[in-house]
Amino acid sequence: MSRPWSKFGSAALAPVCLGACLFACLAPAAHAAERVTLKNGFDLVCDHRATDGGKVRLYLDAAGTNYMDVDASQIASVETVNLPAPARAAAAAAPVQSIPEKLSAQELRPMLAQASAAYDIDTDLLASVVREESDGHARAVSRAGARGLMQLMPSTAAEMGVSNSFAPGQNIDGGTAYLNQMLIRYHDSLPLALAAYNAGPAAVDRWHGIPPYPETRAYVERVIHEYNRRYELRRRERQVAGLAPTSEPVR
């Protein structure tokens, strides 16, 4: 069953309850890790951690080469999770060095279309997220450490099975998979899913809606505005071509 806005725009902002089908598949043994939820609403998945006085070092890989330090008082909860093996590692067909600094719409289109088909999410919505997150810069890195086209934190990338966040195909697949998780979690409410993508689901749950963070509220507004802009352009193109109108976009 397609989402109402998955192919040609969205019908409404209200949550829509949809049935989900889960398919079992053979996979390598999962790797145990820890999901650390901070009091500011962000989730981090770490391989292991070490406490030193009032500080906790969260190691994002088994080798301990990628880590971040947080105050122990900022940790709200810790739970054990099982991470899938990085099955999508083979998706990076070309070395990162051959990837242009900024990908064009033509270069992004096939990767967005593939992710759209895999997760039943409108290509224009994915393109809107990519524009807001990185503006097409495959090697973009935020001050918080988010990487690539859809700005995946290392913990989220690991959780989604992404081994190289700078590989465009992997990043888009992992970012779309994560956005899909948020859409399922919030019953296809796009504003809540986008807020969770930006600020973390713990923050959305804590505030029972879009958190009152100016950055997050502006992020949701900008992505939906860009999605509506793309929808209107597509509507006009279909009108010129004599095709049937699409459903209403997000408001």
C-alpha atoms as a PDB file:
ATOM      1  CA  MET A   1       0.000   0.000   0.000  1.00  0.00           C
ATOM      2  CA  SER A   2       1.569   3.284  -1.084  1.00  0.00           C
ATOM      3  CA  ARG A   3       1.695   6.259   1.232  1.00  0.00           C
ATOM      4  CA  PRO A   4      -0.732   8.998   0.116  1.00  0.00           C
ATOM      5  CA  TRP A   5       2.177  11.308  -0.675  1.00  0.00           C
ATOM      6  CA  SER A   6       4.749   8.707  -1.669  1.00  0.00           C
ATOM      7  CA  LYS A   7       4.406   9.139  -5.411  1.00  0.00           C
ATOM      8  CA  PHE A   8       2.710  12.470  -6.149  1.00  0.00           C
ATOM      9  CA  GLY A   9       2.413  14.664  -3.062  1.00  0.00           C
ATOM     10  CA  SER A  10       0.604  14.268   0.258  1.00  0.00           C
ATOM     11  CA  ALA A  11      -3.034  14.457   1.215  1.00  0.00           C
ATOM     12  CA  ALA A  12      -2.715  15.776   4.775  1.00  0.00           C
ATOM     13  CA  LEU A  13      -0.519  16.374   7.811  1.00  0.00           C
ATOM     14  CA  ALA A  14      -2.626  14.260  10.166  1.00  0.00           C
ATOM     15  CA  PRO A  15      -1.142  10.877  11.145  1.00  0.00           C
ATOM     16  CA  VAL A  16      -2.399   7.987   9.065  1.00  0.00           C
ATOM     17  CA  CYS A  17      -2.310   4.492  10.512  1.00  0.00           C
ATOM     18  CA  LEU A  18      -0.969   1.998   7.998  1.00  0.00           C
ATOM     19  CA  GLY A  19      -0.347  -1.714   8.227  1.00  0.00           C
ATOM     20  CA  ALA A  20       3.242  -2.850   7.879  1.00  0.00           C
ATOM     21  CA  CYS A  21       4.581  -6.110   6.516  1.00  0.00           C
ATOM     22  CA  LEU A  22       7.829  -7.409   7.977  1.00  0.00           C
ATOM     23  CA  PHE A  23       9.912  -9.747   5.886  1.00  0.00           C
ATOM     24  CA  ALA A  24      12.448 -12.060   7.495  1.00  0.00           C
ATOM     25  CA  CYS A  25      15.771 -12.509   5.761  1.00  0.00           C
ATOM     26  CA  LEU A  26      18.991 -14.345   6.368  1.00  0.00           C
ATOM     27  CA  ALA A  27      21.736 -12.057   7.659  1.00  0.00           C
ATOM     28  CA  PRO A  28      25.063 -12.239   9.470  1.00  0.00           C
ATOM     29  CA  ALA A  29      24.957 -12.299  13.246  1.00  0.00           C
ATOM     30  CA  ALA A  30      24.047  -8.935  14.737  1.00  0.00           C
ATOM     31  CA  HIS A  31      26.586  -6.960  16.732  1.00  0.00           C
ATOM     32  CA  ALA A  32      25.603  -5.889  20.253  1.00  0.00           C
ATOM     33  CA  ALA A  33      25.998  -2.185  20.972  1.00  0.00           C
ATOM     34  CA  GLU A  34      24.437   0.473  23.193  1.00  0.00           C
ATOM     35  CA  ARG A  35      21.934   3.191  22.372  1.00  0.00           C
ATOM     36  CA  VAL A  36      22.622   6.227  24.545  1.00  0.00           C
ATOM     37  CA  THR A  37      19.836   8.814  24.772  1.00  0.00           C
ATOM     38  CA  LEU A  38      20.899  12.265  25.918  1.00  0.00           C
ATOM     39  CA  LYS A  39      18.679  14.658  27.843  1.00  0.00           C
ATOM     40  CA  ASN A  40      18.647  17.024  24.866  1.00  0.00           C
ATOM     41  CA  GLY A  41      16.766  14.371  22.890  1.00  0.00           C
ATOM     42  CA  PHE A  42      19.568  13.049  20.699  1.00  0.00           C
ATOM     43  CA  ASP A  43      20.201   9.327  20.298  1.00  0.00           C
ATOM     44  CA  LEU A  44      23.695   7.901  19.854  1.00  0.00           C
ATOM     45  CA  VAL A  45      24.594   4.282  19.168  1.00  0.00           C
ATOM     46  CA  CYS A  46      28.046   3.428  20.466  1.00  0.00           C
ATOM     47  CA  ASP A  47      30.149   0.282  20.346  1.00  0.00           C
ATOM     48  CA  HIS A  48      31.226   0.688  23.967  1.00  0.00           C
ATOM     49  CA  ARG A  49      31.792   3.427  26.551  1.00  0.00           C
ATOM     50  CA  ALA A  50      34.154   4.336  29.345  1.00  0.00           C
ATOM     51  CA  THR A  51      33.555   6.542  32.384  1.00  0.00           C
ATOM     52  CA  ASP A  52      36.201   8.922  33.704  1.00  0.00           C
ATOM     53  CA  GLY A  53      34.949  10.959  36.646  1.00  0.00           C
ATOM     54  CA  GLY A  54      32.029  13.074  35.469  1.00  0.00           C
ATOM     55  CA  LYS A  55      32.721  12.381  31.780  1.00  0.00           C
ATOM     56  CA  VAL A  56      31.663   9.443  29.624  1.00  0.00           C
ATOM     57  CA  ARG A  57      33.529   8.631  26.414  1.00  0.00           C
ATOM     58  CA  LEU A  58      31.266   7.037  23.804  1.00  0.00           C
ATOM     59  CA  TYR A  59      33.218   4.953  21.300  1.00  0.00           C
ATOM     60  CA  LEU A  60      31.435   4.822  17.952  1.00  0.00           C
ATOM     61  CA  ASP A  61      33.549   1.973  16.572  1.00  0.00           C
ATOM     62  CA  ALA A  62      35.168  -1.156  17.978  1.00  0.00           C
ATOM     63  CA  ALA A  63      38.682   0.156  17.315  1.00  0.00           C
ATOM     64  CA  GLY A  64      38.049   3.221  19.471  1.00  0.00           C
ATOM     65  CA  THR A  65      39.266   5.648  16.801  1.00  0.00           C
ATOM     66  CA  ASN A  66      35.951   7.508  16.570  1.00  0.00           C
ATOM     67  CA  TYR A  67      34.497   8.767  19.830  1.00  0.00           C
ATOM     68  CA  MET A  68      32.853  11.679  21.585  1.00  0.00           C
ATOM     69  CA  ASP A  69      32.843  12.827  25.217  1.00  0.00           C
ATOM     70  CA  VAL A  70      29.682  13.818  27.078  1.00  0.00           C
ATOM     71  CA  ASP A  71      28.901  14.765  30.663  1.00  0.00           C
ATOM     72  CA  ALA A  72      27.558  11.822  32.625  1.00  0.00           C
ATOM     73  CA  SER A  73      24.738  14.055  33.852  1.00  0.00           C
ATOM     74  CA  GLN A  74      23.546  14.535  30.245  1.00  0.00           C
ATOM     75  CA  ILE A  75      22.801  10.829  29.719  1.00  0.00           C
ATOM     76  CA  ALA A  76      19.106  10.073  30.112  1.00  0.00           C
ATOM     77  CA  SER A  77      19.145   6.327  29.381  1.00  0.00           C
ATOM     78  CA  VAL A  78      21.210   3.470  27.970  1.00  0.00           C
ATOM     79  CA  GLU A  79      19.865   0.345  26.284  1.00  0.00           C
ATOM     80  CA  THR A  80      21.447  -2.603  24.500  1.00  0.00           C
ATOM     81  CA  VAL A  81      20.723  -2.851  20.771  1.00  0.00           C
ATOM     82  CA  ASN A  82      21.743  -5.245  18.010  1.00  0.00           C
ATOM     83  CA  LEU A  83      23.332  -3.660  14.954  1.00  0.00           C
ATOM     84  CA  PRO A  84      23.029  -5.324  11.538  1.00  0.00           C
ATOM     85  CA  ALA A  85      26.183  -6.222   9.674  1.00  0.00           C
ATOM     86  CA  PRO A  86      27.096  -3.573   7.076  1.00  0.00           C
ATOM     87  CA  ALA A  87      25.449  -5.475   4.244  1.00  0.00           C
ATOM     88  CA  ARG A  88      25.384  -2.434   1.987  1.00  0.00           C
ATOM     89  CA  ALA A  89      29.133  -1.970   1.985  1.00  0.00           C
ATOM     90  CA  ALA A  90      29.300  -3.171  -1.609  1.00  0.00           C
ATOM     91  CA  ALA A  91      27.099  -0.258  -2.684  1.00  0.00           C
ATOM     92  CA  ALA A  92      30.136   2.003  -2.890  1.00  0.00           C
ATOM     93  CA  ALA A  93      31.209   0.944  -6.353  1.00  0.00           C
ATOM     94  CA  ALA A  94      33.528   3.901  -6.917  1.00  0.00           C
ATOM     95  CA  PRO A  95      36.189   5.203  -4.527  1.00  0.00           C
ATOM     96  CA  VAL A  96      35.253   8.326  -2.575  1.00  0.00           C
ATOM     97  CA  GLN A  97      38.031  10.278  -4.300  1.00  0.00           C
ATOM     98  CA  SER A  98      36.189  10.027  -7.640  1.00  0.00           C
ATOM     99  CA  ILE A  99      32.997  11.580  -6.244  1.00  0.00           C
ATOM    100  CA  PRO A 100      32.532  15.257  -7.172  1.00  0.00           C
ATOM    101  CA  GLU A 101      32.322  17.761  -4.332  1.00  0.00           C
ATOM    102  CA  LYS A 102      28.735  18.619  -5.246  1.00  0.00           C
ATOM    103  CA  LEU A 103      26.436  16.268  -7.106  1.00  0.00           C
ATOM    104  CA  SER A 104      24.094  17.627  -9.752  1.00  0.00           C
ATOM    105  CA  ALA A 105      20.369  16.874  -9.877  1.00  0.00           C
ATOM    106  CA  GLN A 106      21.065  14.455 -12.725  1.00  0.00           C
ATOM    107  CA  GLU A 107      23.681  12.601 -10.688  1.00  0.00           C
ATOM    108  CA  LEU A 108      21.395  12.402  -7.652  1.00  0.00           C
ATOM    109  CA  ARG A 109      18.259  11.350  -9.542  1.00  0.00           C
ATOM    110  CA  PRO A 110      18.998   7.604 -10.044  1.00  0.00           C
ATOM    111  CA  MET A 111      20.085   7.142  -6.431  1.00  0.00           C
ATOM    112  CA  LEU A 112      17.032   8.985  -5.121  1.00  0.00           C
ATOM    113  CA  ALA A 113      14.779   6.972  -7.429  1.00  0.00           C
ATOM    114  CA  GLN A 114      16.267   3.707  -6.182  1.00  0.00           C
ATOM    115  CA  ALA A 115      15.761   4.677  -2.532  1.00  0.00           C
ATOM    116  CA  SER A 116      12.255   5.948  -3.354  1.00  0.00           C
ATOM    117  CA  ALA A 117      11.297   2.586  -4.829  1.00  0.00           C
ATOM    118  CA  ALA A 118      12.856   0.639  -1.948  1.00  0.00           C
ATOM    119  CA  TYR A 119      11.062   2.548   0.834  1.00  0.00           C
ATOM    120  CA  ASP A 120       7.989   3.960  -0.967  1.00  0.00           C
ATOM    121  CA  ILE A 121       8.937   7.578  -0.262  1.00  0.00           C
ATOM    122  CA  ASP A 122       8.487  10.289  -2.882  1.00  0.00           C
ATOM    123  CA  THR A 123      11.672  11.114  -4.775  1.00  0.00           C
ATOM    124  CA  ASP A 124      10.961  14.839  -4.440  1.00  0.00           C
ATOM    125  CA  LEU A 125      10.710  14.506  -0.672  1.00  0.00           C
ATOM    126  CA  LEU A 126      14.104  12.798  -0.554  1.00  0.00           C
ATOM    127  CA  ALA A 127      15.551  15.474  -2.836  1.00  0.00           C
ATOM    128  CA  SER A 128      14.147  18.146  -0.497  1.00  0.00           C
ATOM    129  CA  VAL A 129      15.834  16.521   2.508  1.00  0.00           C
ATOM    130  CA  VAL A 130      19.147  16.246   0.638  1.00  0.00           C
ATOM    131  CA  ARG A 131      18.979  19.908  -0.344  1.00  0.00           C
ATOM    132  CA  GLU A 132      18.321  20.995   3.235  1.00  0.00           C
ATOM    133  CA  GLU A 133      20.901  18.680   4.781  1.00  0.00           C
ATOM    134  CA  SER A 134      23.862  19.116   2.434  1.00  0.00           C
ATOM    135  CA  ASP A 135      22.756  20.934  -0.736  1.00  0.00           C
ATOM    136  CA  GLY A 136      24.163  17.973  -2.661  1.00  0.00           C
ATOM    137  CA  HIS A 137      27.656  18.049  -1.126  1.00  0.00           C
ATOM    138  CA  ALA A 138      28.657  14.402  -0.737  1.00  0.00           C
ATOM    139  CA  ARG A 139      31.543  15.181   1.653  1.00  0.00           C
ATOM    140  CA  ALA A 140      29.650  17.623   3.873  1.00  0.00           C
ATOM    141  CA  VAL A 141      30.415  17.333   7.606  1.00  0.00           C
ATOM    142  CA  SER A 142      28.482  19.288  10.230  1.00  0.00           C
ATOM    143  CA  ARG A 143      29.898  20.699  13.455  1.00  0.00           C
ATOM    144  CA  ALA A 144      28.117  17.866  15.283  1.00  0.00           C
ATOM    145  CA  GLY A 145      29.806  15.250  13.086  1.00  0.00           C
ATOM    146  CA  ALA A 146      26.924  14.389  10.723  1.00  0.00           C
ATOM    147  CA  ARG A 147      28.227  13.297   7.329  1.00  0.00           C
ATOM    148  CA  GLY A 148      27.325  13.106   3.688  1.00  0.00           C
ATOM    149  CA  LEU A 149      24.323  13.958   1.545  1.00  0.00           C
ATOM    150  CA  MET A 150      21.666  13.195   4.174  1.00  0.00           C
ATOM    151  CA  GLN A 151      23.921  14.121   7.122  1.00  0.00           C
ATOM    152  CA  LEU A 152      24.076  10.816   8.975  1.00  0.00           C
ATOM    153  CA  MET A 153      25.617  10.772  12.422  1.00  0.00           C
ATOM    154  CA  PRO A 154      28.164   7.927  12.712  1.00  0.00           C
ATOM    155  CA  SER A 155      25.888   6.098  15.147  1.00  0.00           C
ATOM    156  CA  THR A 156      22.888   6.339  12.822  1.00  0.00           C
ATOM    157  CA  ALA A 157      24.987   5.265   9.851  1.00  0.00           C
ATOM    158  CA  ALA A 158      26.169   2.190  11.761  1.00  0.00           C
ATOM    159  CA  GLU A 159      22.622   1.377  12.806  1.00  0.00           C
ATOM    160  CA  MET A 160      21.455   1.596   9.172  1.00  0.00           C
ATOM    161  CA  GLY A 161      24.280  -0.626   7.939  1.00  0.00           C
ATOM    162  CA  VAL A 162      26.166   2.202   6.191  1.00  0.00           C
ATOM    163  CA  SER A 163      29.912   1.631   6.200  1.00  0.00           C
ATOM    164  CA  ASN A 164      30.889   4.772   4.257  1.00  0.00           C
ATOM    165  CA  SER A 165      28.757   7.877   4.809  1.00  0.00           C
ATOM    166  CA  PHE A 166      30.608   9.725   2.049  1.00  0.00           C
ATOM    167  CA  ALA A 167      29.529   7.207  -0.595  1.00  0.00           C
ATOM    168  CA  PRO A 168      26.408   8.874  -2.086  1.00  0.00           C
ATOM    169  CA  GLY A 169      24.461   5.680  -2.739  1.00  0.00           C
ATOM    170  CA  GLN A 170      25.062   4.309   0.743  1.00  0.00           C
ATOM    171  CA  ASN A 171      24.280   7.623   2.404  1.00  0.00           C
ATOM    172  CA  ILE A 172      21.003   8.099   0.549  1.00  0.00           C
ATOM    173  CA  ASP A 173      19.962   4.513   1.228  1.00  0.00           C
ATOM    174  CA  GLY A 174      20.794   4.819   4.924  1.00  0.00           C
ATOM    175  CA  GLY A 175      19.182   8.245   5.285  1.00  0.00           C
ATOM    176  CA  THR A 176      16.035   7.065   3.519  1.00  0.00           C
ATOM    177  CA  ALA A 177      15.886   3.948   5.687  1.00  0.00           C
ATOM    178  CA  TYR A 178      16.127   6.108   8.804  1.00  0.00           C
ATOM    179  CA  LEU A 179      13.483   8.554   7.547  1.00  0.00           C
ATOM    180  CA  ASN A 180      11.275   5.558   6.778  1.00  0.00           C
ATOM    181  CA  GLN A 181      11.701   4.344  10.366  1.00  0.00           C
ATOM    182  CA  MET A 182      10.604   7.744  11.624  1.00  0.00           C
ATOM    183  CA  LEU A 183       7.565   7.753   9.297  1.00  0.00           C
ATOM    184  CA  ILE A 184       6.528   4.337  10.575  1.00  0.00           C
ATOM    185  CA  ARG A 185       7.113   5.387  14.169  1.00  0.00           C
ATOM    186  CA  TYR A 186       4.913   8.480  13.783  1.00  0.00           C
ATOM    187  CA  HIS A 187       2.238   6.842  11.622  1.00  0.00           C
ATOM    188  CA  ASP A 188       3.229   8.680   8.425  1.00  0.00           C
ATOM    189  CA  SER A 189       3.051  12.154   9.980  1.00  0.00           C
ATOM    190  CA  LEU A 190       5.638  13.889   7.806  1.00  0.00           C
ATOM    191  CA  PRO A 191       6.227  16.915  10.111  1.00  0.00           C
ATOM    192  CA  LEU A 192       6.894  14.642  13.104  1.00  0.00           C
ATOM    193  CA  ALA A 193       9.125  12.336  11.058  1.00  0.00           C
ATOM    194  CA  LEU A 194      11.179  15.297   9.825  1.00  0.00           C
ATOM    195  CA  ALA A 195      11.426  16.692  13.358  1.00  0.00           C
ATOM    196  CA  ALA A 196      12.686  13.320  14.577  1.00  0.00           C
ATOM    197  CA  TYR A 197      15.164  13.127  11.689  1.00  0.00           C
ATOM    198  CA  ASN A 198      16.556  16.485  12.772  1.00  0.00           C
ATOM    199  CA  ALA A 199      16.340  16.438  16.580  1.00  0.00           C
ATOM    200  CA  GLY A 200      15.945  12.731  17.357  1.00  0.00           C
ATOM    201  CA  PRO A 201      12.809  10.736  18.167  1.00  0.00           C
ATOM    202  CA  ALA A 202      13.370  11.092  21.911  1.00  0.00           C
ATOM    203  CA  ALA A 203      12.866  14.855  21.601  1.00  0.00           C
ATOM    204  CA  VAL A 204       9.645  14.405  19.612  1.00  0.00           C
ATOM    205  CA  ASP A 205       8.339  11.921  22.176  1.00  0.00           C
ATOM    206  CA  ARG A 206       9.348  14.148  25.061  1.00  0.00           C
ATOM    207  CA  TRP A 207       7.480  17.157  23.667  1.00  0.00           C
ATOM    208  CA  HIS A 208       4.619  15.100  22.198  1.00  0.00           C
ATOM    209  CA  GLY A 209       5.130  16.826  18.874  1.00  0.00           C
ATOM    210  CA  ILE A 210       7.653  19.037  17.096  1.00  0.00           C
ATOM    211  CA  PRO A 211      10.134  20.187  19.764  1.00  0.00           C
ATOM    212  CA  PRO A 212      10.250  23.944  20.494  1.00  0.00           C
ATOM    213  CA  TYR A 213      13.786  24.173  19.126  1.00  0.00           C
ATOM    214  CA  PRO A 214      14.039  27.050  16.600  1.00  0.00           C
ATOM    215  CA  GLU A 215      16.460  25.050  14.450  1.00  0.00           C
ATOM    216  CA  THR A 216      14.155  22.026  14.292  1.00  0.00           C
ATOM    217  CA  ARG A 217      11.011  24.041  13.602  1.00  0.00           C
ATOM    218  CA  ALA A 218      12.782  25.962  10.834  1.00  0.00           C
ATOM    219  CA  TYR A 219      14.142  22.696   9.420  1.00  0.00           C
ATOM    220  CA  VAL A 220      10.684  21.133   9.170  1.00  0.00           C
ATOM    221  CA  GLU A 221       9.250  24.271   7.563  1.00  0.00           C
ATOM    222  CA  ARG A 222      12.054  24.535   5.001  1.00  0.00           C
ATOM    223  CA  VAL A 223      11.900  20.880   3.941  1.00  0.00           C
ATOM    224  CA  ILE A 224       8.112  20.948   3.537  1.00  0.00           C
ATOM    225  CA  HIS A 225       8.285  24.276   1.704  1.00  0.00           C
ATOM    226  CA  GLU A 226      10.859  22.852  -0.724  1.00  0.00           C
ATOM    227  CA  TYR A 227       8.793  19.695  -1.166  1.00  0.00           C
ATOM    228  CA  ASN A 228       5.708  21.782  -1.966  1.00  0.00           C
ATOM    229  CA  ARG A 229       7.741  23.833  -4.449  1.00  0.00           C
ATOM    230  CA  ARG A 230       8.870  20.695  -6.229  1.00  0.00           C
ATOM    231  CA  TYR A 231       5.323  19.330  -6.162  1.00  0.00           C
ATOM    232  CA  GLU A 232       3.929  22.481  -7.770  1.00  0.00           C
ATOM    233  CA  LEU A 233       6.575  22.348 -10.489  1.00  0.00           C
ATOM    234  CA  ARG A 234       5.739  18.709 -11.159  1.00  0.00           C
ATOM    235  CA  ARG A 235       2.012  19.514 -11.207  1.00  0.00           C
ATOM    236  CA  ARG A 236       2.538  22.174 -13.854  1.00  0.00           C
ATOM    237  CA  GLU A 237       4.695  19.856 -15.933  1.00  0.00           C
ATOM    238  CA  ARG A 238       2.001  17.202 -15.816  1.00  0.00           C
ATOM    239  CA  GLN A 239      -0.635  19.783 -16.738  1.00  0.00           C
ATOM    240  CA  VAL A 240       1.371  20.884 -19.769  1.00  0.00           C
ATOM    241  CA  ALA A 241       1.807  17.244 -20.768  1.00  0.00           C
ATOM    242  CA  GLY A 242      -1.943  16.673 -20.470  1.00  0.00           C
ATOM    243  CA  LEU A 243      -1.612  14.179 -17.599  1.00  0.00           C
ATOM    244  CA  ALA A 244      -4.033  13.762 -14.704  1.00  0.00           C
ATOM    245  CA  PRO A 245      -3.408  16.055 -11.670  1.00  0.00           C
ATOM    246  CA  THR A 246      -1.709  14.607  -8.624  1.00  0.00           C
ATOM    247  CA  SER A 247      -2.940  14.525  -5.034  1.00  0.00           C
ATOM    248  CA  GLU A 248      -2.495  17.570  -2.800  1.00  0.00           C
ATOM    249  CA  PRO A 249       0.972  18.281  -1.372  1.00  0.00           C
ATOM    250  CA  VAL A 250       1.937  18.812   2.239  1.00  0.00           C
ATOM    251  CA  ARG A 251       0.742  22.069   3.814  1.00  0.00           C
END
